[in-house]
Amino acid sequence: MKILMISGFPMEGILLAGFLKNREDIEFLGLFAPSEDSLKLLAMQMPDLVLFDIDLNQNECFQMMQSILIQSPELSFVAVSTYDDFSLVQTSLRCGCRDFLLKPLKQEDIDYVIRRFFPSHRMVGISNYQDVVKKEKENKLDPGEEGSDKADYYCFRQIMKAKQMIDERVQEKILLEEIAKEIYMSPFYFSRMFKEITGINFTEYVLNKKVDKAMEYLSNTVFSVEEIGLLVGYEEANSFRRMFKKKVGLSPREYRKQQNKR
């Protein structure tokens, strides 16, 4: 697999080269300045993935990107920028980018892009997680094992730890950023990996756990709706009622009444 970067900032190329230096399956073709010459170089190099830094002369960068894609529509572009601006992300995607990364670039972001668009080169893919689960159950996985299994094991265990933390803190206001910090992952990467491993996004998982616990209280205790709301992390009873009805289709009182009839 070949990766190339277009940027007017040499340090970005050095940073990316550092992320890829231990990947024997990836060839980093280098950093090229955004210019007409890059069009010719791209045609000659034929990279699989192009990281395009759009911080300098954004309009020119987008025009250049579109010109390249007209000639080589099979190329995969990922926009890179310092600016976390929705309109910029939207424009990037409309111009043909497959993703958008914020600077400074991080190892996990590069790994994610490679895994997402080139699954045969993934470091930690969903099928690998199934292997991790199987190996763990069979006690065949060594935490000190080198290579992708080691990465799989670490990430899988961290996400399982996060699930356990959520399960134990249903009574609290659970924030993605706080959980990510406790398991030493960036919020962005944690969110992606949580969804990939569990099959459900972080917010939905938290809400489902809160609803499950609330239904348990409604069925087995005489606590008031307000008290149950507090027990699952909702200080405002109305917020709890709205969340519960949206997830269950019944208000808490209606659900309790239905359970009492059984």
Protein backbone atom coordinates (compact mmCIF):
# COMPACT_ATOMS: atom_id res chain seq x y z
CA MET A 1 0.00 0.00 0.00
CA LYS A 2 1.30 3.46 -0.94
CA ILE A 3 0.59 6.67 0.97
CA LEU A 4 1.47 10.18 -0.13
CA MET A 5 0.95 13.56 1.53
CA ILE A 6 0.39 16.95 -0.05
CA SER A 7 1.16 19.82 2.30
CA GLY A 8 2.94 23.16 2.45
CA PHE A 9 4.22 22.29 5.92
CA PRO A 10 7.30 19.98 5.92
CA MET A 11 6.79 18.97 9.56
CA GLU A 12 3.52 17.26 8.64
CA GLY A 13 5.41 14.90 6.35
CA ILE A 14 7.98 14.15 9.06
CA LEU A 15 5.19 13.40 11.53
CA LEU A 16 3.40 11.07 9.11
CA ALA A 17 6.63 9.29 8.22
CA GLY A 18 7.15 8.60 11.93
CA PHE A 19 3.70 7.04 12.24
CA LEU A 20 4.35 4.73 9.28
CA LYS A 21 7.99 3.80 9.83
CA ASN A 22 7.22 0.43 11.42
CA ARG A 23 4.60 -0.60 8.88
CA GLU A 24 6.29 -3.01 6.49
CA ASP A 25 3.10 -3.29 4.44
CA ILE A 26 3.02 0.47 3.72
CA GLU A 27 5.30 2.57 1.54
CA PHE A 28 5.36 6.28 2.35
CA LEU A 29 6.03 8.08 -0.92
CA GLY A 30 6.85 11.36 0.77
CA LEU A 31 5.57 14.91 1.10
CA PHE A 32 4.79 17.06 -1.93
CA ALA A 33 3.96 20.76 -1.99
CA PRO A 34 0.51 21.67 -3.37
CA SER A 35 1.29 22.65 -6.96
CA GLU A 36 0.64 21.67 -10.54
CA ASP A 37 3.74 19.49 -10.40
CA SER A 38 1.98 17.35 -7.80
CA LEU A 39 -0.54 16.34 -10.47
CA LYS A 40 2.26 14.82 -12.56
CA LEU A 41 3.87 13.19 -9.54
CA LEU A 42 0.58 11.61 -8.49
CA ALA A 43 0.11 10.18 -11.95
CA MET A 44 3.59 8.66 -11.78
CA GLN A 45 3.48 7.39 -8.20
CA MET A 46 -0.10 6.05 -8.18
CA PRO A 47 -0.64 6.13 -4.38
CA ASP A 48 -3.53 4.31 -2.73
CA LEU A 49 -4.13 7.07 -0.22
CA VAL A 50 -3.44 10.82 -0.37
CA LEU A 51 -3.52 12.98 2.74
CA PHE A 52 -4.20 16.54 1.55
CA ASP A 53 -3.38 19.41 3.92
CA ILE A 54 -5.84 22.16 3.01
CA ASP A 55 -4.69 24.84 5.48
CA LEU A 56 -2.98 26.91 2.78
CA ASN A 57 -5.13 28.41 -0.01
CA GLN A 58 -8.18 26.24 0.64
CA ASN A 59 -9.97 27.10 -2.59
CA GLU A 60 -6.91 26.24 -4.67
CA CYS A 61 -6.48 23.00 -2.74
CA PHE A 62 -10.06 21.97 -3.43
CA GLN A 63 -9.75 22.84 -7.12
CA MET A 64 -6.55 20.83 -7.36
CA MET A 65 -8.16 17.90 -5.57
CA GLN A 66 -11.09 17.88 -7.98
CA SER A 67 -8.75 18.04 -10.96
CA ILE A 68 -6.81 15.06 -9.66
CA LEU A 69 -9.97 13.05 -9.04
CA ILE A 70 -11.24 13.74 -12.56
CA GLN A 71 -8.05 12.17 -13.92
CA SER A 72 -7.74 9.45 -11.27
CA PRO A 73 -11.16 8.79 -9.66
CA GLU A 74 -9.86 5.64 -7.97
CA LEU A 75 -7.64 7.68 -5.60
CA SER A 76 -8.66 7.98 -1.95
CA PHE A 77 -8.28 11.49 -0.52
CA VAL A 78 -8.40 12.45 3.15
CA ALA A 79 -8.44 16.16 3.98
CA VAL A 80 -6.23 17.40 6.83
CA SER A 81 -6.70 20.74 8.57
CA THR A 82 -6.14 22.69 11.77
CA TYR A 83 -9.64 24.15 11.55
CA ASP A 84 -12.53 22.26 13.13
CA ASP A 85 -15.18 23.91 10.99
CA PHE A 86 -18.33 22.11 9.81
CA SER A 87 -18.52 23.98 6.50
CA LEU A 88 -14.90 23.05 5.77
CA VAL A 89 -15.59 19.38 6.52
CA GLN A 90 -18.71 19.53 4.32
CA THR A 91 -16.81 21.11 1.43
CA SER A 92 -14.05 18.53 1.72
CA LEU A 93 -16.50 15.66 1.48
CA ARG A 94 -18.33 17.27 -1.43
CA CYS A 95 -15.03 17.64 -3.28
CA GLY A 96 -14.45 13.90 -3.03
CA CYS A 97 -12.58 13.39 0.24
CA ARG A 98 -13.40 10.18 2.04
CA ASP A 99 -12.63 11.55 5.48
CA PHE A 100 -11.41 14.61 7.37
CA LEU A 101 -8.64 14.63 10.00
CA LEU A 102 -7.71 17.38 12.41
CA LYS A 103 -4.15 18.48 13.03
CA PRO A 104 -2.00 17.69 14.80
CA LEU A 105 -2.24 14.24 13.29
CA LYS A 106 -2.29 11.33 15.72
CA GLN A 107 -1.21 7.72 15.29
CA GLU A 108 -4.70 6.42 16.02
CA ASP A 109 -6.23 8.65 13.32
CA ILE A 110 -3.87 7.30 10.67
CA ASP A 111 -4.49 3.73 11.81
CA TYR A 112 -8.24 4.31 11.64
CA VAL A 113 -8.14 5.67 8.07
CA ILE A 114 -6.02 2.74 6.89
CA ARG A 115 -8.28 0.24 8.62
CA ARG A 116 -11.47 1.87 7.35
CA PHE A 117 -10.62 2.21 3.68
CA PHE A 118 -8.06 -0.55 3.24
CA PRO A 119 -9.26 -3.43 5.44
CA SER A 120 -6.58 -5.80 4.20
CA HIS A 121 -4.05 -3.49 5.90
CA ARG A 122 -5.96 -2.95 9.13
CA MET A 123 -4.13 -3.02 12.43
CA VAL A 124 -7.22 -3.54 14.55
CA GLY A 125 -10.22 -4.64 12.51
CA ILE A 126 -13.55 -6.06 13.62
CA SER A 127 -12.70 -9.55 12.40
CA ASN A 128 -9.48 -9.33 14.41
CA TYR A 129 -11.53 -8.59 17.51
CA GLN A 130 -13.49 -11.77 16.96
CA ASP A 131 -10.15 -13.61 16.89
CA VAL A 132 -9.14 -11.81 20.09
CA VAL A 133 -12.33 -12.90 21.85
CA LYS A 134 -11.84 -16.48 20.68
CA LYS A 135 -8.19 -16.56 21.74
CA GLU A 136 -8.99 -15.00 25.10
CA LYS A 137 -11.68 -17.60 25.82
CA GLU A 138 -9.24 -20.34 24.88
CA ASN A 139 -6.51 -18.71 27.00
CA LYS A 140 -4.25 -18.59 23.97
CA LEU A 141 -3.68 -14.83 23.86
CA ASP A 142 -0.48 -13.55 25.38
CA PRO A 143 -0.74 -9.87 26.41
CA GLY A 144 2.93 -9.48 25.58
CA GLU A 145 2.57 -10.87 22.08
CA GLU A 146 4.07 -8.70 19.37
CA GLY A 147 2.33 -7.42 16.26
CA SER A 148 -1.32 -6.78 15.53
CA ASP A 149 -2.58 -9.29 18.12
CA LYS A 150 -0.95 -7.18 20.81
CA ALA A 151 -2.68 -4.05 19.53
CA ASP A 152 -5.96 -5.94 19.22
CA TYR A 153 -5.70 -7.26 22.75
CA TYR A 154 -4.93 -3.86 24.30
CA CYS A 155 -7.70 -2.00 22.48
CA PHE A 156 -10.26 -4.75 23.05
CA ARG A 157 -9.47 -4.87 26.78
CA GLN A 158 -9.70 -1.08 27.09
CA ILE A 159 -13.14 -1.01 25.48
CA MET A 160 -14.31 -3.87 27.70
CA LYS A 161 -13.01 -1.89 30.68
CA ALA A 162 -14.98 1.13 29.48
CA LYS A 163 -18.17 -0.95 29.26
CA GLN A 164 -17.66 -2.14 32.81
CA MET A 165 -17.14 1.44 33.99
CA ILE A 166 -20.40 2.49 32.34
CA ASP A 167 -22.27 -0.45 33.87
CA GLU A 168 -21.01 0.49 37.33
CA ARG A 169 -21.81 4.20 36.98
CA VAL A 170 -25.39 4.13 35.73
CA GLN A 171 -26.37 6.45 38.59
CA GLU A 172 -23.94 9.12 37.35
CA LYS A 173 -23.85 11.51 34.42
CA ILE A 174 -21.53 9.59 32.10
CA LEU A 175 -19.43 11.61 29.66
CA LEU A 176 -17.52 10.12 26.75
CA GLU A 177 -14.57 12.45 27.31
CA GLU A 178 -14.15 11.35 30.92
CA ILE A 179 -14.31 7.63 30.13
CA ALA A 180 -11.85 8.06 27.25
CA LYS A 181 -9.44 9.90 29.54
CA GLU A 182 -9.57 7.14 32.14
CA ILE A 183 -8.65 4.45 29.61
CA TYR A 184 -5.97 6.58 27.95
CA MET A 185 -7.60 7.09 24.56
CA SER A 186 -8.49 10.27 22.71
CA PRO A 187 -12.27 10.89 22.73
CA PHE A 188 -12.41 10.71 18.92
CA TYR A 189 -10.57 7.39 18.72
CA PHE A 190 -12.43 5.93 21.70
CA SER A 191 -15.79 6.79 20.12
CA ARG A 192 -14.81 5.09 16.86
CA MET A 193 -13.43 1.97 18.49
CA PHE A 194 -16.34 1.62 20.92
CA LYS A 195 -18.76 1.53 17.99
CA GLU A 196 -16.56 -0.84 15.98
CA ILE A 197 -16.15 -3.35 18.80
CA THR A 198 -19.58 -3.24 20.46
CA GLY A 199 -21.69 -2.54 17.36
CA ILE A 200 -23.43 0.38 19.09
CA ASN A 201 -22.33 3.96 19.66
CA PHE A 202 -21.32 5.20 23.11
CA THR A 203 -24.38 7.36 23.75
CA GLU A 204 -26.84 4.62 22.82
CA TYR A 205 -25.04 2.11 25.01
CA VAL A 206 -25.18 4.48 28.01
CA LEU A 207 -28.87 5.24 27.45
CA ASN A 208 -29.72 1.55 27.10
CA LYS A 209 -28.01 0.78 30.41
CA LYS A 210 -29.86 3.60 32.15
CA VAL A 211 -33.18 2.46 30.71
CA ASP A 212 -32.53 -1.15 31.75
CA LYS A 213 -31.79 -0.07 35.31
CA ALA A 214 -34.81 2.24 35.38
CA MET A 215 -37.10 -0.58 34.21
CA GLU A 216 -35.68 -2.78 36.95
CA TYR A 217 -36.49 -0.14 39.57
CA LEU A 218 -39.96 0.47 38.15
CA SER A 219 -40.76 -3.24 38.23
CA ASN A 220 -39.26 -4.17 41.59
CA THR A 221 -39.41 -1.12 43.87
CA VAL A 222 -41.88 1.50 45.08
CA PHE A 223 -39.48 4.37 44.37
CA SER A 224 -41.13 7.39 42.75
CA VAL A 225 -40.35 8.28 39.14
CA GLU A 226 -38.37 11.27 40.37
CA GLU A 227 -36.30 9.07 42.70
CA ILE A 228 -35.63 6.55 39.93
CA GLY A 229 -34.55 9.36 37.64
CA LEU A 230 -31.95 10.40 40.22
CA LEU A 231 -30.80 6.80 40.59
CA VAL A 232 -29.97 6.64 36.87
CA GLY A 233 -28.24 10.01 36.68
CA TYR A 234 -31.06 12.42 35.83
CA GLU A 235 -31.43 15.41 38.13
CA GLU A 236 -34.42 16.69 36.14
CA ALA A 237 -37.39 14.32 36.29
CA ASN A 238 -38.83 15.65 33.02
CA SER A 239 -35.58 14.87 31.18
CA PHE A 240 -35.72 11.34 32.54
CA ARG A 241 -39.36 10.92 31.48
CA ARG A 242 -38.63 12.15 27.94
CA MET A 243 -35.61 9.87 27.57
CA PHE A 244 -37.51 6.84 28.92
CA LYS A 245 -40.54 7.34 26.69
CA LYS A 246 -38.36 7.86 23.63
CA LYS A 247 -36.51 4.59 24.26
CA VAL A 248 -39.36 2.42 25.57
CA GLY A 249 -42.44 3.92 23.93
CA LEU A 250 -44.17 4.27 27.29
CA SER A 251 -43.83 6.79 30.10
CA PRO A 252 -42.30 5.47 33.34
CA ARG A 253 -45.72 5.42 35.01
CA GLU A 254 -47.28 3.59 32.07
CA TYR A 255 -44.47 1.04 32.10
CA ARG A 256 -44.88 0.46 35.86
CA LYS A 257 -48.65 0.08 35.47
CA GLN A 258 -48.12 -2.45 32.67
CA GLN A 259 -45.67 -4.46 34.80
CA ASN A 260 -48.00 -4.46 37.81
CA LYS A 261 -50.73 -6.11 35.76
CA ARG A 262 -48.55 -9.17 35.15
